């Protein structure tokens, strides 16, 4: 991999302070980003072919938890396909049965009819061996003439109705022939019909819309579904009148509300006019620019590259490697690296999570600041015992996960270098713990920025839908007598597992929309948007008269 940029270690503290400063986001930065976000939403609602696509889903409502029925879901998006049966109990709870089926390479690259016949065969096999023998529809048990199914199809599609969408291209190793340009729902339905199956595909959905529907059912309502995991996206209920690109279509004439799939991972794809390598608003650092330049999709999915789990580990790796390569004196691990650190995307975001967990410890302590390490005053012998224990836990994590020998990580590092440069004595304790502080700081720096930016996305939707407002010139937020909970259904490894991600996201929300609104935001997990969500989309299709 080509170098990120040269770091001069002649002034150690200056190096760390500069890196730290480049990742910081103050309230003014967050407000400016939110206003830009709102502008791009407006563009996407008004016309097609904008980076933030703002895709109309034709889902015109969400469940409230009282619905009953049994629905199937088919989830196709990679090596495996999944068939699910979701039984809705009408009390905000559901039962789930599911089975995975492997998709062979020959199916991925053969004729589309053969692939979709296999999908139909898999649904048939599931109904034979796993599904309930009776179905509950509208609260009464009966054997329905047709079993309704929702399809999660994780490939680019131009959706033209709730139950139809043309395949634009294949990704993820699929290249089935005679599929591009055809309606994916019709391809699947034709396969069901060829086998004389009493199954009807009535809804096409993506996992983000599914997360919204899933949380709406279990919570009794929801306004926003958001994914903060390997990737990121959001879907929310919008007034149809604001989706002006629908023109004079029947959906526009009907009015009301519609779920919009924002595709917000593409926010701020545009570059600065003055500096073509920089985003016009997102706070790019040399580490972000290197990640984007070496990615499979340079200049695209800009926002996603700042906040999603697929990329945070690589940004952190870029920081650590630049410190290892610093000249004339290495600032980390005495200039030593490992195969994992040298490998493009070798450092996974799960490592960052382990480091943060090691810092917090079993009691989930939040002690210790997140500012740049102060190596001029770093003295391991004067550290409180609880901080020493935290840094020792991180040291063990680094040795285990990054492939270092124990002797490698007890050698001269940034803390030692700063003491050498200032003529101070080098002590073994400093050599043991100084690097742990650096690694913890780098992980925290990248993850905190991601969570703050995630808060920008959530706040933008609250502002767009009139559930929040910016502070006035006096810095005060408008008062409100509303006690309405604002439901946000979330899914993804970051929001579910990364330490303090939601806490920092909420910090961003408070800065942008005020504490009163932030306290009413009810963030809850919406698991399995691609399975349960697809079944609930089939339910919604029936409610809409599909």
Protein backbone atom coordinates (compact mmCIF):
# COMPACT_ATOMS: atom_id res chain seq x y z
CA UNK A 1 0.00 0.00 0.00
CA UNK A 2 1.29 3.45 -0.80
CA UNK A 3 2.05 5.69 2.19
CA UNK A 4 -0.69 7.79 3.74
CA UNK A 5 1.44 10.84 4.32
CA UNK A 6 4.77 11.56 5.98
CA UNK A 7 4.72 12.25 9.70
CA UNK A 8 7.64 14.10 11.18
CA UNK A 9 8.24 13.14 14.79
CA UNK A 10 10.52 16.04 15.68
CA UNK A 11 7.67 17.44 17.81
CA UNK A 12 5.80 14.41 19.08
CA UNK A 13 2.98 16.18 20.84
CA UNK A 14 2.36 18.37 17.79
CA UNK A 15 1.86 15.25 15.64
CA UNK A 16 -0.74 13.78 17.97
CA UNK A 17 -2.52 17.07 18.51
CA UNK A 18 -2.81 17.63 14.74
CA UNK A 19 -4.30 14.17 14.15
CA UNK A 20 -6.69 14.65 17.06
CA UNK A 21 -7.79 18.05 15.83
CA UNK A 22 -8.54 16.77 12.33
CA UNK A 23 -11.12 14.30 13.67
CA UNK A 24 -12.96 16.70 15.96
CA UNK A 25 -16.48 17.95 15.20
CA UNK A 26 -17.73 20.98 17.09
CA UNK A 27 -21.43 22.01 17.25
CA UNK A 28 -20.98 24.45 14.37
CA UNK A 29 -19.57 21.65 12.18
CA UNK A 30 -22.53 19.42 13.05
CA UNK A 31 -25.06 22.14 12.23
CA UNK A 32 -23.43 22.87 8.87
CA UNK A 33 -23.40 19.18 7.96
CA UNK A 34 -27.06 18.82 8.96
CA UNK A 35 -28.09 21.77 6.78
CA UNK A 36 -26.21 20.23 3.85
CA UNK A 37 -27.92 16.90 4.56
CA UNK A 38 -31.33 18.61 4.45
CA UNK A 39 -30.41 20.22 1.13
CA UNK A 40 -29.44 16.89 -0.43
CA UNK A 41 -32.68 15.32 0.84
CA UNK A 42 -34.62 18.10 -0.89
CA UNK A 43 -32.73 17.51 -4.14
CA UNK A 44 -33.39 13.78 -4.01
CA UNK A 45 -37.10 14.20 -3.30
CA UNK A 46 -37.42 16.61 -6.21
CA UNK A 47 -35.67 14.71 -8.99
CA UNK A 48 -34.16 11.36 -9.90
CA UNK A 49 -30.46 10.59 -10.43
CA UNK A 50 -29.06 12.37 -7.38
CA UNK A 51 -26.43 10.64 -5.21
CA UNK A 52 -28.83 10.55 -2.28
CA UNK A 53 -31.48 8.80 -4.32
CA UNK A 54 -34.44 9.24 -1.92
CA UNK A 55 -36.19 6.22 -3.46
CA UNK A 56 -39.99 6.05 -3.13
CA UNK A 57 -40.87 2.58 -1.82
CA UNK A 58 -44.64 2.78 -2.34
CA UNK A 59 -45.10 1.59 1.25
CA UNK A 60 -47.72 4.04 2.51
CA UNK A 61 -47.90 3.09 6.16
CA UNK A 62 -46.33 1.07 8.94
CA UNK A 63 -47.79 -1.61 11.23
CA UNK A 64 -48.82 -0.78 14.79
CA UNK A 65 -48.46 -4.20 16.39
CA UNK A 66 -52.13 -5.20 16.32
CA UNK A 67 -51.94 -7.00 12.98
CA UNK A 68 -52.23 -10.78 12.77
CA UNK A 69 -51.41 -13.26 10.05
CA UNK A 70 -48.75 -15.58 8.73
CA UNK A 71 -46.42 -14.42 5.97
CA UNK A 72 -43.38 -15.73 4.19
CA UNK A 73 -40.17 -13.88 3.43
CA UNK A 74 -37.48 -14.74 0.92
CA UNK A 75 -34.10 -13.06 1.44
CA UNK A 76 -31.59 -13.25 -1.42
CA UNK A 77 -28.37 -11.31 -1.17
CA UNK A 78 -25.31 -13.54 -1.30
CA UNK A 79 -24.01 -17.06 -0.94
CA UNK A 80 -27.09 -18.16 0.96
CA UNK A 81 -30.76 -17.48 0.53
CA UNK A 82 -33.11 -17.57 3.47
CA UNK A 83 -36.77 -18.50 3.71
CA UNK A 84 -38.67 -17.28 6.77
CA UNK A 85 -42.15 -17.77 8.13
CA UNK A 86 -43.36 -14.97 10.38
CA UNK A 87 -46.47 -15.45 12.50
CA UNK A 88 -47.87 -12.15 13.79
CA UNK A 89 -49.74 -12.53 17.09
CA UNK A 90 -51.44 -9.12 17.19
CA UNK A 91 -49.85 -8.11 20.51
CA UNK A 92 -46.59 -6.65 19.14
CA UNK A 93 -44.97 -10.09 19.18
CA UNK A 94 -44.26 -12.59 16.45
CA UNK A 95 -42.86 -16.08 15.98
CA UNK A 96 -40.17 -16.85 13.44
CA UNK A 97 -39.11 -20.00 11.64
CA UNK A 98 -36.34 -19.88 9.07
CA UNK A 99 -34.04 -21.99 6.95
CA UNK A 100 -30.98 -21.16 4.84
CA UNK A 101 -30.24 -22.69 1.44
CA UNK A 102 -26.91 -22.45 -0.37
CA UNK A 103 -26.73 -20.76 -3.78
CA UNK A 104 -24.11 -22.50 -5.94
CA UNK A 105 -21.77 -20.72 -8.33
CA UNK A 106 -23.51 -22.37 -11.29
CA UNK A 107 -26.84 -20.92 -10.14
CA UNK A 108 -25.29 -17.44 -9.74
CA UNK A 109 -23.93 -17.43 -13.29
CA UNK A 110 -26.45 -19.58 -15.20
CA UNK A 111 -29.84 -18.79 -16.67
CA UNK A 112 -32.13 -16.60 -14.60
CA UNK A 113 -34.99 -19.08 -14.95
CA UNK A 114 -32.84 -21.78 -13.36
CA UNK A 115 -31.90 -19.48 -10.46
CA UNK A 116 -35.49 -18.44 -9.80
CA UNK A 117 -36.70 -22.02 -10.13
CA UNK A 118 -34.23 -22.87 -7.36
CA UNK A 119 -35.65 -20.03 -5.23
CA UNK A 120 -39.13 -21.46 -5.75
CA UNK A 121 -37.90 -24.98 -4.94
CA UNK A 122 -36.38 -23.68 -1.71
CA UNK A 123 -39.65 -22.05 -0.67
CA UNK A 124 -41.46 -25.30 -1.54
CA UNK A 125 -38.99 -27.31 0.55
CA UNK A 126 -39.44 -24.93 3.47
CA UNK A 127 -43.23 -25.18 3.30
CA UNK A 128 -42.95 -28.95 3.28
CA UNK A 129 -40.54 -29.37 6.17
CA UNK A 130 -40.55 -26.25 8.33
CA UNK A 131 -43.68 -24.16 7.93
CA UNK A 132 -46.85 -24.29 10.03
CA UNK A 133 -49.58 -26.58 8.80
CA UNK A 134 -52.23 -23.90 9.31
CA UNK A 135 -52.16 -20.17 8.84
CA UNK A 136 -53.68 -17.44 10.93
CA UNK A 137 -55.17 -14.75 8.69
CA UNK A 138 -57.12 -11.91 10.22
CA UNK A 139 -57.41 -13.78 13.49
CA UNK A 140 -59.19 -16.88 12.16
CA UNK A 141 -57.50 -20.18 11.33
CA UNK A 142 -57.93 -21.39 7.79
CA UNK A 143 -56.01 -22.81 4.88
CA UNK A 144 -55.57 -19.85 2.56
CA UNK A 145 -55.84 -20.09 -1.18
CA UNK A 146 -52.60 -18.14 -1.44
CA UNK A 147 -49.64 -17.73 0.88
CA UNK A 148 -48.28 -14.19 0.67
CA UNK A 149 -44.55 -13.56 0.46
CA UNK A 150 -42.26 -10.53 0.74
CA UNK A 151 -38.96 -10.52 -1.15
CA UNK A 152 -35.75 -8.91 0.07
CA UNK A 153 -33.58 -8.59 -3.03
CA UNK A 154 -30.22 -7.06 -2.16
CA UNK A 155 -29.20 -6.00 -5.66
CA UNK A 156 -29.74 -2.72 -7.55
CA UNK A 157 -33.40 -2.44 -8.58
CA UNK A 158 -35.53 0.33 -10.04
CA UNK A 159 -38.67 -0.06 -7.96
CA UNK A 160 -41.82 1.08 -9.74
CA UNK A 161 -44.45 -0.20 -7.29
CA UNK A 162 -44.61 -1.99 -3.96
CA UNK A 163 -44.68 -5.32 -5.76
CA UNK A 164 -42.46 -4.73 -8.78
CA UNK A 165 -38.98 -3.58 -9.70
CA UNK A 166 -36.58 -4.01 -12.62
CA UNK A 167 -33.14 -5.50 -12.03
CA UNK A 168 -30.52 -2.89 -12.94
CA UNK A 169 -27.38 -4.98 -12.52
CA UNK A 170 -25.96 -7.91 -10.61
CA UNK A 171 -23.34 -7.59 -7.84
CA UNK A 172 -21.75 -9.90 -5.22
CA UNK A 173 -20.62 -12.48 -7.77
CA UNK A 174 -24.02 -12.97 -9.43
CA UNK A 175 -24.34 -12.71 -13.20
CA UNK A 176 -27.43 -14.77 -14.04
CA UNK A 177 -28.32 -14.40 -17.73
CA UNK A 178 -31.52 -12.82 -19.07
CA UNK A 179 -32.36 -11.07 -15.81
CA UNK A 180 -31.18 -7.47 -16.29
CA UNK A 181 -34.09 -5.22 -17.18
CA UNK A 182 -36.68 -7.73 -16.05
CA UNK A 183 -39.10 -7.40 -13.13
CA UNK A 184 -37.61 -9.44 -10.26
CA UNK A 185 -41.02 -10.04 -8.70
CA UNK A 186 -42.40 -11.39 -11.97
CA UNK A 187 -39.36 -13.66 -12.42
CA UNK A 188 -40.01 -15.14 -8.99
CA UNK A 189 -43.78 -15.35 -9.45
CA UNK A 190 -43.37 -17.10 -12.81
CA UNK A 191 -41.21 -19.71 -11.08
CA UNK A 192 -43.89 -20.25 -8.42
CA UNK A 193 -46.52 -20.58 -11.14
CA UNK A 194 -44.46 -23.06 -13.16
CA UNK A 195 -44.45 -25.30 -10.10
CA UNK A 196 -48.15 -24.70 -9.40
CA UNK A 197 -47.36 -23.34 -5.94
CA UNK A 198 -49.98 -21.38 -4.02
CA UNK A 199 -47.50 -18.62 -3.17
CA UNK A 200 -47.80 -15.02 -4.30
CA UNK A 201 -44.95 -12.50 -4.06
CA UNK A 202 -46.63 -9.19 -3.28
CA UNK A 203 -43.84 -7.00 -1.88
CA UNK A 204 -40.28 -6.03 -2.77
CA UNK A 205 -38.23 -4.50 0.05
CA UNK A 206 -34.73 -3.65 1.23
CA UNK A 207 -33.39 -4.31 4.72
CA UNK A 208 -33.57 -0.68 5.86
CA UNK A 209 -37.27 -0.36 5.08
CA UNK A 210 -37.63 -3.75 6.75
CA UNK A 211 -35.96 -2.42 9.90
CA UNK A 212 -38.50 0.42 10.03
CA UNK A 213 -41.44 -2.00 9.64
CA UNK A 214 -40.01 -4.50 12.13
CA UNK A 215 -39.57 -1.90 14.85
CA UNK A 216 -42.97 -0.38 14.10
CA UNK A 217 -44.64 -3.73 14.74
CA UNK A 218 -42.87 -4.53 18.01
CA UNK A 219 -43.00 -0.96 19.38
CA UNK A 220 -46.46 0.04 18.16
CA UNK A 221 -45.09 2.62 15.75
CA UNK A 222 -41.87 3.96 14.24
CA UNK A 223 -40.80 6.94 12.14
CA UNK A 224 -37.26 6.05 11.06
CA UNK A 225 -35.42 2.83 10.34
CA UNK A 226 -31.63 3.09 10.30
CA UNK A 227 -28.75 0.71 9.71
CA UNK A 228 -25.48 1.39 11.51
CA UNK A 229 -23.41 -1.70 10.83
CA UNK A 230 -21.18 -2.92 8.02
CA UNK A 231 -22.98 -0.32 5.90
CA UNK A 232 -25.41 2.46 6.69
CA UNK A 233 -28.76 3.66 5.38
CA UNK A 234 -32.03 5.15 6.55
CA UNK A 235 -35.71 4.95 5.62
CA UNK A 236 -38.45 7.15 7.02
CA UNK A 237 -42.09 8.18 6.61
CA UNK A 238 -42.37 11.25 4.40
CA UNK A 239 -45.31 13.32 3.26
CA UNK A 240 -46.11 12.32 -0.33
CA UNK A 241 -46.59 16.00 -1.16
CA UNK A 242 -42.87 16.54 -0.52
CA UNK A 243 -41.87 13.76 -2.95
CA UNK A 244 -42.36 16.04 -5.92
CA UNK A 245 -40.51 13.78 -8.36
CA UNK A 246 -43.57 11.49 -8.30
CA UNK A 247 -45.16 14.08 -10.57
CA UNK A 248 -48.74 13.30 -11.55
CA UNK A 249 -48.53 9.61 -10.72
CA UNK A 250 -51.37 7.78 -8.95
CA UNK A 251 -49.20 7.59 -5.83
CA UNK A 252 -48.83 11.38 -5.82
CA UNK A 253 -52.54 11.87 -6.36
CA UNK A 254 -53.38 9.62 -3.43
CA UNK A 255 -51.33 11.78 -1.04
CA UNK A 256 -50.74 10.77 2.55
CA UNK A 257 -47.41 9.34 3.59
CA UNK A 258 -44.86 7.05 1.99
CA UNK A 259 -41.70 5.37 3.24
CA UNK A 260 -38.64 6.79 1.47
CA UNK A 261 -35.37 4.85 1.24
CA UNK A 262 -32.81 7.66 1.55
CA UNK A 263 -29.63 5.82 0.49
CA UNK A 264 -27.89 8.27 2.82
CA UNK A 265 -24.59 6.41 2.52
CA UNK A 266 -24.05 8.56 -0.57
CA UNK A 267 -24.44 11.87 1.30
CA UNK A 268 -21.82 14.44 0.24
CA UNK A 269 -20.42 12.42 -2.65
CA UNK A 270 -19.59 15.80 -4.21
CA UNK A 271 -16.04 17.11 -3.94
CA UNK A 272 -14.86 20.59 -3.04
CA UNK A 273 -14.31 22.88 -6.04
CA UNK A 274 -11.15 24.36 -4.50
CA UNK A 275 -9.68 21.03 -3.36
CA UNK A 276 -10.70 18.17 -5.61
CA UNK A 277 -9.43 15.53 -3.16
CA UNK A 278 -11.62 16.86 -0.34
CA UNK A 279 -15.33 16.43 0.37
CA UNK A 280 -17.24 19.68 0.18
CA UNK A 281 -18.52 19.28 3.74
CA UNK A 282 -17.51 15.99 5.37
CA UNK A 283 -14.32 16.50 7.42
CA UNK A 284 -11.84 14.51 5.33
CA UNK A 285 -8.43 13.68 6.76
CA UNK A 286 -5.46 12.18 4.90
CA UNK A 287 -6.54 8.84 6.34
CA UNK A 288 -10.03 9.18 4.83
CA UNK A 289 -8.62 10.29 1.47
CA UNK A 290 -6.33 7.25 1.33
CA UNK A 291 -9.21 4.92 2.17
CA UNK A 292 -11.39 6.43 -0.55
CA UNK A 293 -8.64 6.49 -3.17
CA UNK A 294 -7.81 2.80 -2.65
CA UNK A 295 -11.42 1.62 -2.34
CA UNK A 296 -13.35 -0.29 -5.01
CA UNK A 297 -15.64 2.74 -5.45
CA UNK A 298 -13.59 5.95 -5.17
CA UNK A 299 -15.68 9.11 -4.68
CA UNK A 300 -18.85 7.12 -4.01
CA UNK A 301 -20.65 6.27 -0.74
CA UNK A 302 -18.83 9.13 0.96
CA UNK A 303 -20.88 9.23 4.17
CA UNK A 304 -20.77 5.46 4.53
CA UNK A 305 -16.97 5.56 4.45
CA UNK A 306 -16.97 7.88 7.48
CA UNK A 307 -19.38 5.97 9.71
CA UNK A 308 -19.85 2.30 8.77
CA UNK A 309 -18.22 -0.74 10.24
CA UNK A 310 -16.73 -1.81 6.93
CA UNK A 311 -14.40 1.20 6.94
CA UNK A 312 -13.70 2.32 10.54
CA UNK A 313 -11.07 -0.35 11.11
CA UNK A 314 -9.23 0.69 7.95
CA UNK A 315 -9.20 4.36 8.96
CA UNK A 316 -7.79 3.36 12.35
CA UNK A 317 -5.19 1.12 10.68
CA UNK A 318 -4.11 4.04 8.50
CA UNK A 319 -3.52 6.15 11.61
CA UNK A 320 -1.53 3.45 13.41
CA UNK A 321 0.62 2.66 10.36
CA UNK A 322 1.43 6.35 9.85
CA UNK A 323 2.65 6.51 13.46
CA UNK A 324 4.73 3.35 12.99
CA UNK A 325 6.29 4.88 9.83
CA UNK A 326 6.94 8.31 11.35
CA UNK A 327 10.42 9.73 10.81
CA UNK A 328 13.05 10.26 12.09
CA UNK A 329 11.71 8.43 15.17
CA UNK A 330 8.80 5.96 14.99
CA UNK A 331 5.91 6.96 17.22
CA UNK A 332 4.45 3.48 17.78
CA UNK A 333 5.79 -0.04 18.41
CA UNK A 334 9.39 1.13 17.75
CA UNK A 335 8.56 1.11 14.04
CA UNK A 336 7.58 -2.56 14.01
CA UNK A 337 4.44 -3.75 12.27
CA UNK A 338 2.68 -7.06 11.62
CA UNK A 339 1.07 -8.87 8.72
CA UNK A 340 -2.35 -7.78 9.98
CA UNK A 341 -1.41 -4.10 10.20
CA UNK A 342 0.31 -4.22 6.81
CA UNK A 343 -2.71 -5.73 5.06
CA UNK A 344 -5.30 -3.54 3.34
CA UNK A 345 -8.43 -3.83 5.53
CA UNK A 346 -6.44 -6.11 7.84
CA UNK A 347 -7.71 -4.39 10.97
CA UNK A 348 -11.41 -5.09 11.50
CA UNK A 349 -13.74 -2.73 13.33
CA UNK A 350 -14.33 -5.53 15.84
CA UNK A 351 -10.75 -4.94 17.04
CA UNK A 352 -11.65 -1.34 17.85
CA UNK A 353 -14.65 -2.58 19.81
CA UNK A 354 -12.43 -4.99 21.77
CA UNK A 355 -10.02 -2.18 22.60
CA UNK A 356 -12.85 0.04 23.82
CA UNK A 357 -14.28 -2.84 25.87
CA UNK A 358 -10.85 -3.48 27.35
CA UNK A 359 -10.64 0.20 28.31
CA UNK A 360 -14.01 0.16 30.01
CA UNK A 361 -13.57 -3.21 31.68
CA UNK A 362 -16.22 -5.47 33.21
CA UNK A 363 -17.82 -2.59 35.12
CA UNK A 364 -18.25 -0.52 31.93
CA UNK A 365 -16.34 2.36 33.49
CA UNK A 366 -16.13 5.56 31.46
CA UNK A 367 -13.23 7.06 33.39
CA UNK A 368 -10.43 8.66 31.41
CA UNK A 369 -10.70 11.41 28.81
CA UNK A 370 -10.66 10.97 25.05
CA UNK A 371 -8.24 13.75 24.19
CA UNK A 372 -4.92 13.29 22.43
CA UNK A 373 -2.29 11.56 24.60
CA UNK A 374 -0.07 14.02 26.47
CA UNK A 375 3.27 12.31 26.15
CA UNK A 376 5.34 15.13 27.57
CA UNK A 377 3.83 14.35 30.98
CA UNK A 378 3.12 10.64 30.54
CA UNK A 379 4.44 8.78 33.59
CA UNK A 380 3.26 5.20 34.08
CA UNK A 381 4.35 5.21 37.71
CA UNK A 382 1.99 8.08 38.50
CA UNK A 383 -1.04 6.67 36.70
CA UNK A 384 -3.99 5.64 38.90
CA UNK A 385 -4.27 1.88 39.38
CA UNK A 386 -7.55 1.69 37.46
CA UNK A 387 -5.97 3.37 34.40
CA UNK A 388 -2.99 1.02 34.55
CA UNK A 389 -5.37 -1.95 34.56
CA UNK A 390 -7.22 -0.54 31.56
CA UNK A 391 -4.02 -0.03 29.57
CA UNK A 392 -2.77 -3.50 30.47
CA UNK A 393 -6.00 -5.01 29.14
CA UNK A 394 -5.52 -3.10 25.88
CA UNK A 395 -1.92 -4.30 25.69
CA UNK A 396 -3.11 -7.91 25.90
CA UNK A 397 -5.71 -7.25 23.20
CA UNK A 398 -3.12 -5.74 20.85
CA UNK A 399 -0.76 -8.70 21.29
CA UNK A 400 -3.58 -11.18 20.71
CA UNK A 401 -5.38 -9.51 17.80
CA UNK A 402 -2.63 -7.77 15.83
CA UNK A 403 -0.07 -10.56 15.85
CA UNK A 404 2.69 -8.88 17.84
CA UNK A 405 5.16 -10.77 19.99
CA UNK A 406 4.99 -9.67 23.59
CA UNK A 407 8.55 -8.36 23.40
CA UNK A 408 7.64 -6.18 20.40
CA UNK A 409 5.03 -4.19 22.27
CA UNK A 410 7.17 -3.48 25.30
CA UNK A 411 9.78 -1.57 23.28
CA UNK A 412 10.17 2.15 22.73
CA UNK A 413 6.98 3.82 21.51
CA UNK A 414 5.50 7.30 21.36
CA UNK A 415 5.54 7.80 25.10
CA UNK A 416 9.17 6.75 25.22
CA UNK A 417 10.07 8.93 22.23
CA UNK A 418 8.62 12.00 23.87
CA UNK A 419 10.66 11.36 27.00
CA UNK A 420 13.81 10.88 24.93
CA UNK A 421 13.16 14.08 23.02
CA UNK A 422 12.71 15.98 26.26
CA UNK A 423 15.79 14.42 27.88
CA UNK A 424 13.77 12.48 30.44
CA UNK A 425 14.61 9.02 31.72
CA UNK A 426 13.04 6.09 29.84
CA UNK A 427 11.39 3.61 32.19
CA UNK A 428 10.09 0.09 31.34
CA UNK A 429 6.63 0.95 32.65
CA UNK A 430 6.37 3.78 30.14
CA UNK A 431 7.37 1.45 27.34
CA UNK A 432 4.71 -1.08 28.39
CA UNK A 433 1.76 1.28 28.63
CA UNK A 434 2.37 4.30 26.40
CA UNK A 435 1.42 2.48 23.19
CA UNK A 436 -1.79 1.19 24.79
CA UNK A 437 -2.85 4.78 25.32
CA UNK A 438 -2.16 5.54 21.63
CA UNK A 439 -4.15 2.58 20.34
CA UNK A 440 -7.08 3.37 22.61
CA UNK A 441 -7.02 7.03 21.57
CA UNK A 442 -6.95 6.19 17.83
CA UNK A 443 -9.89 3.78 18.11
CA UNK A 444 -11.89 6.24 20.18
CA UNK A 445 -11.11 9.10 17.81
CA UNK A 446 -12.44 7.30 14.73
CA UNK A 447 -15.47 5.74 16.43
CA UNK A 448 -16.53 8.94 18.16
CA UNK A 449 -16.55 10.84 14.88
CA UNK A 450 -18.63 8.06 13.30
CA UNK A 451 -21.21 8.18 16.08
CA UNK A 452 -21.45 11.99 15.98
CA UNK A 453 -22.02 11.86 12.21
CA UNK A 454 -24.63 9.14 12.69
CA UNK A 455 -26.42 11.57 14.99
CA UNK A 456 -26.39 14.10 12.15
CA UNK A 457 -28.31 11.63 9.96
CA UNK A 458 -30.94 10.98 12.63
CA UNK A 459 -31.30 14.67 13.49
CA UNK A 460 -31.74 15.51 9.81
CA UNK A 461 -34.77 13.22 9.54
CA UNK A 462 -36.29 14.74 12.69
CA UNK A 463 -35.87 18.20 11.18
CA UNK A 464 -37.12 17.12 7.76
CA UNK A 465 -40.32 15.67 9.25
CA UNK A 466 -41.02 18.66 11.51
CA UNK A 467 -40.36 16.84 14.78
CA UNK A 468 -37.47 19.10 15.69
CA UNK A 469 -36.01 22.52 14.94
CA UNK A 470 -32.61 24.17 15.11
CA UNK A 471 -31.83 26.50 17.99
CA UNK A 472 -32.57 30.19 17.46
CA UNK A 473 -30.02 32.98 17.28
CA UNK A 474 -30.09 33.12 21.08
CA UNK A 475 -28.96 29.49 21.21
CA UNK A 476 -32.27 28.36 22.70
CA UNK A 477 -34.32 25.52 21.22
CA UNK A 478 -38.08 26.00 20.69
CA UNK A 479 -40.13 24.76 23.64
CA UNK A 480 -42.69 22.05 23.01
CA UNK A 481 -45.50 20.53 25.04
CA UNK A 482 -45.38 17.32 23.03
CA UNK A 483 -44.73 14.10 24.90
CA UNK A 484 -44.87 11.92 21.78
CA UNK A 485 -42.16 9.30 21.59
CA UNK A 486 -40.28 9.44 18.29
CA UNK A 487 -39.63 5.84 17.29
CA UNK A 488 -36.31 4.98 15.64
CA UNK A 489 -35.70 1.36 14.72
CA UNK A 490 -32.03 0.50 14.36
CA UNK A 491 -30.02 -2.50 13.27
CA UNK A 492 -26.34 -3.19 12.76
CA UNK A 493 -23.28 -4.23 14.71
CA UNK A 494 -22.11 -0.69 15.56
CA UNK A 495 -25.32 0.50 17.18
CA UNK A 496 -25.87 -2.86 18.88
CA UNK A 497 -22.39 -3.78 20.08
CA UNK A 498 -19.88 -0.91 19.84
CA UNK A 499 -19.31 0.60 23.30
CA UNK A 500 -21.02 3.97 23.78
CA UNK A 501 -21.98 4.37 20.12
CA UNK A 502 -25.58 5.22 20.96
CA UNK A 503 -24.50 7.45 23.84
CA UNK A 504 -22.33 9.52 21.50
CA UNK A 505 -25.02 9.53 18.80
CA UNK A 506 -27.40 11.00 21.36
CA UNK A 507 -24.80 13.61 22.31
CA UNK A 508 -24.86 14.72 18.68
CA UNK A 509 -28.67 14.76 18.70
CA UNK A 510 -28.78 16.98 21.78
CA UNK A 511 -26.41 19.43 20.16
CA UNK A 512 -28.54 19.64 17.01
CA UNK A 513 -32.17 19.42 18.20
CA UNK A 514 -32.01 20.03 21.94
CA UNK A 515 -32.32 17.85 25.01
CA UNK A 516 -36.13 17.92 25.12
CA UNK A 517 -36.45 16.34 21.67
CA UNK A 518 -33.50 13.96 22.18
CA UNK A 519 -35.13 12.53 25.31
CA UNK A 520 -38.26 11.68 23.30
CA UNK A 521 -36.29 9.78 20.67
CA UNK A 522 -36.95 6.11 21.41
CA UNK A 523 -34.10 4.12 19.83
CA UNK A 524 -34.78 0.40 19.75
CA UNK A 525 -33.33 -2.60 17.97
CA UNK A 526 -35.20 -3.73 14.87
CA UNK A 527 -33.64 -7.08 14.23
CA UNK A 528 -33.84 -8.91 10.95
CA UNK A 529 -35.12 -6.26 8.57
CA UNK A 530 -34.38 -8.55 5.64
CA UNK A 531 -36.47 -11.40 7.07
CA UNK A 532 -39.16 -10.21 9.45
CA UNK A 533 -39.23 -6.84 7.70
CA UNK A 534 -39.96 -8.44 4.32
CA UNK A 535 -42.84 -10.43 5.80
CA UNK A 536 -44.23 -7.23 7.35
CA UNK A 537 -43.91 -5.53 3.97
CA UNK A 538 -46.12 -8.28 2.54
CA UNK A 539 -48.58 -7.49 5.33
CA UNK A 540 -48.46 -3.81 4.40
CA UNK A 541 -49.04 -4.69 0.73
CA UNK A 542 -52.24 -6.49 1.69
CA UNK A 543 -53.35 -3.50 3.77
CA UNK A 544 -52.78 -1.30 0.72
CA UNK A 545 -54.86 -3.60 -1.46
CA UNK A 546 -52.08 -5.34 -3.39
